Amino acid sequence: MIGELMRNEADIGGTALFFTSDRVDIIDYISMTTPTRSKFVFREPKLSYVTNVFTLPFDDNVWASTIALVILMWLVLFIILKWEWAKKKHLQEPEPHTAPELHDSSSSTSIQTLEDLLKSRLQVGVDDTVFNRFYFPNSTEPIRRAIYLQKVKPLGKKENFMTMEEGVRKMREGLFAFHMETGPGYKLVGEIFRESEKCGLKEIQYLQVSDPWLAIQKNSSYKEFLKIG
């Protein structure tokens, strides 16, 4: 399309384009049709998947007090046993106690940033589009670069670029973050997900680009008319 604009074979580019430095000298951008966003979207994993749920109810002071209490109880029990053995009495074993049941019912909110996503055990997939193929390999920011090298295209393993339908279906299965354009992506989510499965979806921004704009020939005589129109 850009080639046709450069060769004066077309007046207006019908597909919105991202801003890149190599395009500025050969085409003119005139307007943005509608905002678009591409993000990592994933279902919140269960709390037990990302942390030890048995340590969550108490802070450090409570755990320190609990440990101190257990040590004190053992000391008292030891003294009692010594006293009873001295009197040659038989110690009856205490009845076993049933441990209280703990249920993992709250979802985790620990994955909030790209760094959290990188450190998590979530697998990652990316919608196989031209702009994702361009921006992911060329990202230089350390966290984004690490996500690409470790999760999107790990050395010696299959790359995780895939169709949107495949990515959304894997996202529904859980423990999977899929980078997709949210407009068509959520349309597919509406068709594939159950209503109860949509509530736990979370988003994390990855791309650091402006919204795409429409383009026309460089120095086109239609430029002002199209801008106003």
Protein backbone atom coordinates (compact mmCIF):
# COMPACT_ATOMS: atom_id res chain seq x y z
CA MET A 1 0.00 0.00 0.00
CA ILE A 2 2.82 2.41 0.83
CA GLY A 3 4.46 1.50 -2.46
CA GLU A 4 1.30 2.48 -4.34
CA LEU A 5 1.18 5.80 -2.50
CA MET A 6 4.84 6.46 -3.34
CA ARG A 7 4.29 5.64 -7.03
CA ASN A 8 1.16 7.85 -7.19
CA GLU A 9 -0.96 4.82 -8.00
CA ALA A 10 -3.23 5.52 -5.00
CA ASP A 11 -4.33 8.75 -3.35
CA ILE A 12 -5.42 7.43 0.05
CA GLY A 13 -4.24 4.48 2.09
CA GLY A 14 -7.31 2.61 3.32
CA THR A 15 -5.55 0.76 6.16
CA ALA A 16 -4.42 2.68 9.24
CA LEU A 17 -0.67 2.67 9.86
CA PHE A 18 1.59 2.98 12.89
CA PHE A 19 4.13 5.80 12.97
CA THR A 20 7.66 4.68 12.10
CA SER A 21 10.65 6.87 11.34
CA ASP A 22 11.25 5.35 7.89
CA ARG A 23 7.73 6.26 6.73
CA VAL A 24 7.75 9.95 7.65
CA ASP A 25 9.73 11.03 4.56
CA ILE A 26 7.64 9.09 2.03
CA ILE A 27 3.98 9.46 3.13
CA ASP A 28 1.81 11.94 5.03
CA TYR A 29 -0.41 10.98 7.94
CA ILE A 30 -3.73 12.81 8.06
CA SER A 31 -6.05 11.43 10.75
CA MET A 32 -6.78 8.69 13.25
CA THR A 33 -10.04 6.88 12.55
CA THR A 34 -10.60 5.26 15.94
CA PRO A 35 -8.37 4.34 18.88
CA THR A 36 -7.10 0.76 18.94
CA ARG A 37 -5.27 -1.11 21.66
CA SER A 38 -3.24 -4.29 21.73
CA LYS A 39 -2.59 -5.79 25.16
CA PHE A 40 -1.77 -8.97 26.98
CA VAL A 41 -5.06 -10.40 28.24
CA PHE A 42 -5.26 -13.31 30.67
CA ARG A 43 -7.50 -14.95 33.24
CA GLU A 44 -6.40 -14.33 36.81
CA PRO A 45 -4.74 -17.51 38.08
CA LYS A 46 -5.86 -19.16 41.29
CA LEU A 47 -4.22 -17.78 44.41
CA SER A 48 -2.61 -21.13 45.21
CA TYR A 49 -0.86 -21.11 41.82
CA VAL A 50 1.21 -17.99 42.51
CA THR A 51 1.66 -18.02 46.30
CA ASN A 52 1.48 -20.16 49.43
CA VAL A 53 -2.12 -19.74 50.61
CA PHE A 54 -1.31 -21.14 54.06
CA THR A 55 0.88 -18.13 54.90
CA LEU A 56 -1.48 -15.44 53.61
CA PRO A 57 -3.87 -14.98 56.60
CA PHE A 58 -1.17 -13.76 59.01
CA ASP A 59 1.58 -11.15 58.92
CA ASP A 60 5.17 -11.68 60.17
CA ASN A 61 4.44 -10.65 63.77
CA VAL A 62 1.66 -13.22 64.10
CA TRP A 63 3.87 -15.98 62.72
CA ALA A 64 6.71 -15.02 65.12
CA SER A 65 4.30 -15.11 68.05
CA THR A 66 2.95 -18.47 66.92
CA ILE A 67 6.43 -19.99 66.71
CA ALA A 68 7.33 -18.61 70.14
CA LEU A 69 4.12 -20.07 71.57
CA VAL A 70 4.85 -23.50 70.09
CA ILE A 71 8.35 -23.48 71.60
CA LEU A 72 6.92 -22.51 74.99
CA MET A 73 4.31 -25.27 74.78
CA TRP A 74 7.00 -27.85 74.02
CA LEU A 75 9.03 -26.69 77.00
CA VAL A 76 6.02 -26.97 79.32
CA LEU A 77 5.14 -30.38 77.89
CA PHE A 78 8.73 -31.55 78.39
CA ILE A 79 8.66 -30.47 82.03
CA ILE A 80 5.32 -32.22 82.60
CA LEU A 81 6.58 -35.44 80.99
CA LYS A 82 9.74 -35.42 83.12
CA TRP A 83 7.64 -34.91 86.26
CA GLU A 84 5.22 -37.70 85.34
CA TRP A 85 7.97 -40.15 84.43
CA ALA A 86 9.60 -39.38 87.76
CA LYS A 87 6.39 -40.54 89.46
CA LYS A 88 6.34 -43.58 87.12
CA LYS A 89 3.00 -42.77 85.62
CA HIS A 90 2.10 -43.78 82.14
CA LEU A 91 1.49 -41.00 79.70
CA GLN A 92 -1.53 -41.52 77.53
CA GLU A 93 -1.19 -40.40 73.97
CA PRO A 94 -3.47 -37.48 73.13
CA GLU A 95 -6.28 -37.92 70.66
CA PRO A 96 -5.33 -36.74 67.18
CA HIS A 97 -6.85 -33.44 66.14
CA THR A 98 -8.34 -32.83 62.73
CA ALA A 99 -6.67 -29.97 60.90
CA PRO A 100 -9.00 -27.19 59.75
CA GLU A 101 -9.78 -27.16 56.05
CA LEU A 102 -8.62 -24.25 53.94
CA HIS A 103 -10.31 -23.52 50.63
CA ASP A 104 -8.63 -21.68 47.77
CA SER A 105 -11.52 -19.40 46.76
CA SER A 106 -9.99 -16.01 45.94
CA SER A 107 -8.23 -15.24 42.60
CA SER A 108 -4.72 -13.82 42.59
CA THR A 109 -4.13 -10.14 41.76
CA SER A 110 -0.35 -10.41 41.92
CA ILE A 111 0.19 -10.05 38.14
CA GLN A 112 -0.18 -6.33 37.52
CA THR A 113 2.86 -5.34 35.42
CA LEU A 114 5.00 -6.71 32.61
CA GLU A 115 7.66 -7.61 35.17
CA ASP A 116 5.08 -9.62 37.13
CA LEU A 117 4.11 -11.39 33.91
CA LEU A 118 7.75 -12.15 33.11
CA LYS A 119 8.36 -13.68 36.56
CA SER A 120 5.08 -15.60 36.60
CA ARG A 121 4.57 -19.16 35.42
CA LEU A 122 1.99 -18.04 32.87
CA GLN A 123 2.71 -19.04 29.30
CA VAL A 124 2.54 -16.32 26.65
CA GLY A 125 1.20 -16.13 23.11
CA VAL A 126 1.09 -13.30 20.55
CA ASP A 127 -1.40 -12.68 17.74
CA ASP A 128 0.44 -13.39 14.49
CA THR A 129 0.16 -9.98 12.81
CA VAL A 130 2.63 -7.91 10.81
CA PHE A 131 3.00 -5.23 13.47
CA ASN A 132 3.50 -7.76 16.30
CA ARG A 133 6.15 -9.50 14.19
CA PHE A 134 7.86 -6.11 13.88
CA TYR A 135 7.55 -4.62 17.37
CA PHE A 136 8.24 -7.68 19.56
CA PRO A 137 11.67 -8.61 18.08
CA ASN A 138 12.72 -4.95 17.91
CA SER A 139 11.82 -4.01 21.47
CA THR A 140 14.88 -2.78 23.41
CA GLU A 141 13.35 -2.05 26.84
CA PRO A 142 14.80 -4.76 29.18
CA ILE A 143 11.55 -6.25 30.52
CA ARG A 144 9.85 -6.29 27.11
CA ARG A 145 12.97 -7.74 25.51
CA ALA A 146 13.09 -10.48 28.15
CA ILE A 147 9.42 -11.36 27.60
CA TYR A 148 10.11 -11.81 23.89
CA LEU A 149 13.27 -13.88 24.36
CA GLN A 150 12.05 -16.02 27.26
CA LYS A 151 8.33 -16.45 26.61
CA VAL A 152 7.46 -15.50 23.02
CA LYS A 153 10.43 -16.95 21.15
CA PRO A 154 12.57 -18.95 23.57
CA LEU A 155 15.83 -20.29 22.19
CA GLY A 156 15.49 -23.74 20.69
CA LYS A 157 11.72 -23.90 21.17
CA LYS A 158 8.67 -23.22 19.02
CA GLU A 159 7.78 -19.54 18.77
CA ASN A 160 4.48 -18.53 20.32
CA PHE A 161 2.95 -16.49 17.49
CA MET A 162 -0.49 -17.88 16.70
CA THR A 163 -3.91 -17.08 15.30
CA MET A 164 -6.29 -15.03 17.40
CA GLU A 165 -8.75 -17.90 17.75
CA GLU A 166 -6.06 -20.28 18.97
CA GLY A 167 -4.78 -17.72 21.45
CA VAL A 168 -8.22 -16.90 22.86
CA ARG A 169 -9.02 -20.59 23.28
CA LYS A 170 -5.75 -21.17 25.14
CA MET A 171 -6.49 -18.09 27.24
CA ARG A 172 -9.83 -19.61 28.22
CA GLU A 173 -8.05 -22.75 29.48
CA GLY A 174 -6.14 -20.55 31.95
CA LEU A 175 -2.51 -19.87 32.91
CA PHE A 176 -1.99 -18.22 29.51
CA ALA A 177 -1.56 -14.56 28.55
CA PHE A 178 -2.40 -13.65 24.95
CA HIS A 179 -1.33 -10.43 23.25
CA MET A 180 -4.15 -9.32 20.97
CA GLU A 181 -5.93 -6.30 19.58
CA THR A 182 -8.67 -5.83 22.16
CA GLY A 183 -11.46 -4.90 19.71
CA PRO A 184 -11.67 -8.08 17.63
CA GLY A 185 -10.13 -10.03 20.51
CA TYR A 186 -12.97 -9.37 22.93
CA LYS A 187 -15.49 -10.05 20.18
CA LEU A 188 -14.02 -13.54 19.95
CA VAL A 189 -13.95 -13.82 23.75
CA GLY A 190 -17.70 -13.09 23.74
CA GLU A 191 -18.25 -15.97 21.33
CA ILE A 192 -16.00 -18.53 23.06
CA PHE A 193 -16.05 -17.75 26.81
CA ARG A 194 -18.87 -18.48 29.22
CA GLU A 195 -20.23 -15.40 31.00
CA SER A 196 -18.74 -16.51 34.34
CA GLU A 197 -15.29 -16.85 32.74
CA LYS A 198 -15.14 -13.24 31.57
CA CYS A 199 -15.10 -11.66 35.03
CA GLY A 200 -11.50 -12.57 35.85
CA LEU A 201 -9.88 -11.18 32.69
CA LYS A 202 -6.99 -8.75 33.20
CA GLU A 203 -4.96 -6.60 30.79
CA ILE A 204 -1.33 -5.45 30.65
CA GLN A 205 -0.07 -2.96 28.05
CA TYR A 206 3.00 -4.05 26.07
CA LEU A 207 3.35 -1.95 22.91
CA GLN A 208 4.72 1.57 23.30
CA VAL A 209 3.24 3.07 20.14
CA SER A 210 0.68 5.71 19.26
CA ASP A 211 -2.62 4.84 17.65
CA PRO A 212 -2.46 4.18 13.87
CA TRP A 213 -3.43 6.93 11.43
CA LEU A 214 -4.57 6.99 7.83
CA ALA A 215 -1.98 7.98 5.21
CA ILE A 216 -1.95 9.66 1.82
CA GLN A 217 0.60 10.54 -0.84
CA LYS A 218 3.41 12.82 0.28
CA ASN A 219 2.49 16.49 -0.39
CA SER A 220 -0.85 15.48 -1.84
CA SER A 221 -3.15 18.28 -3.05
CA TYR A 222 -5.98 16.48 -1.20
CA LYS A 223 -4.26 16.72 2.18
CA GLU A 224 -6.13 19.75 3.61
CA PHE A 225 -9.48 18.67 2.18
CA LEU A 226 -9.13 15.22 3.77
CA LYS A 227 -7.95 16.65 7.11
CA ILE A 228 -10.96 18.95 7.33
CA GLY A 229 -13.38 16.36 5.98
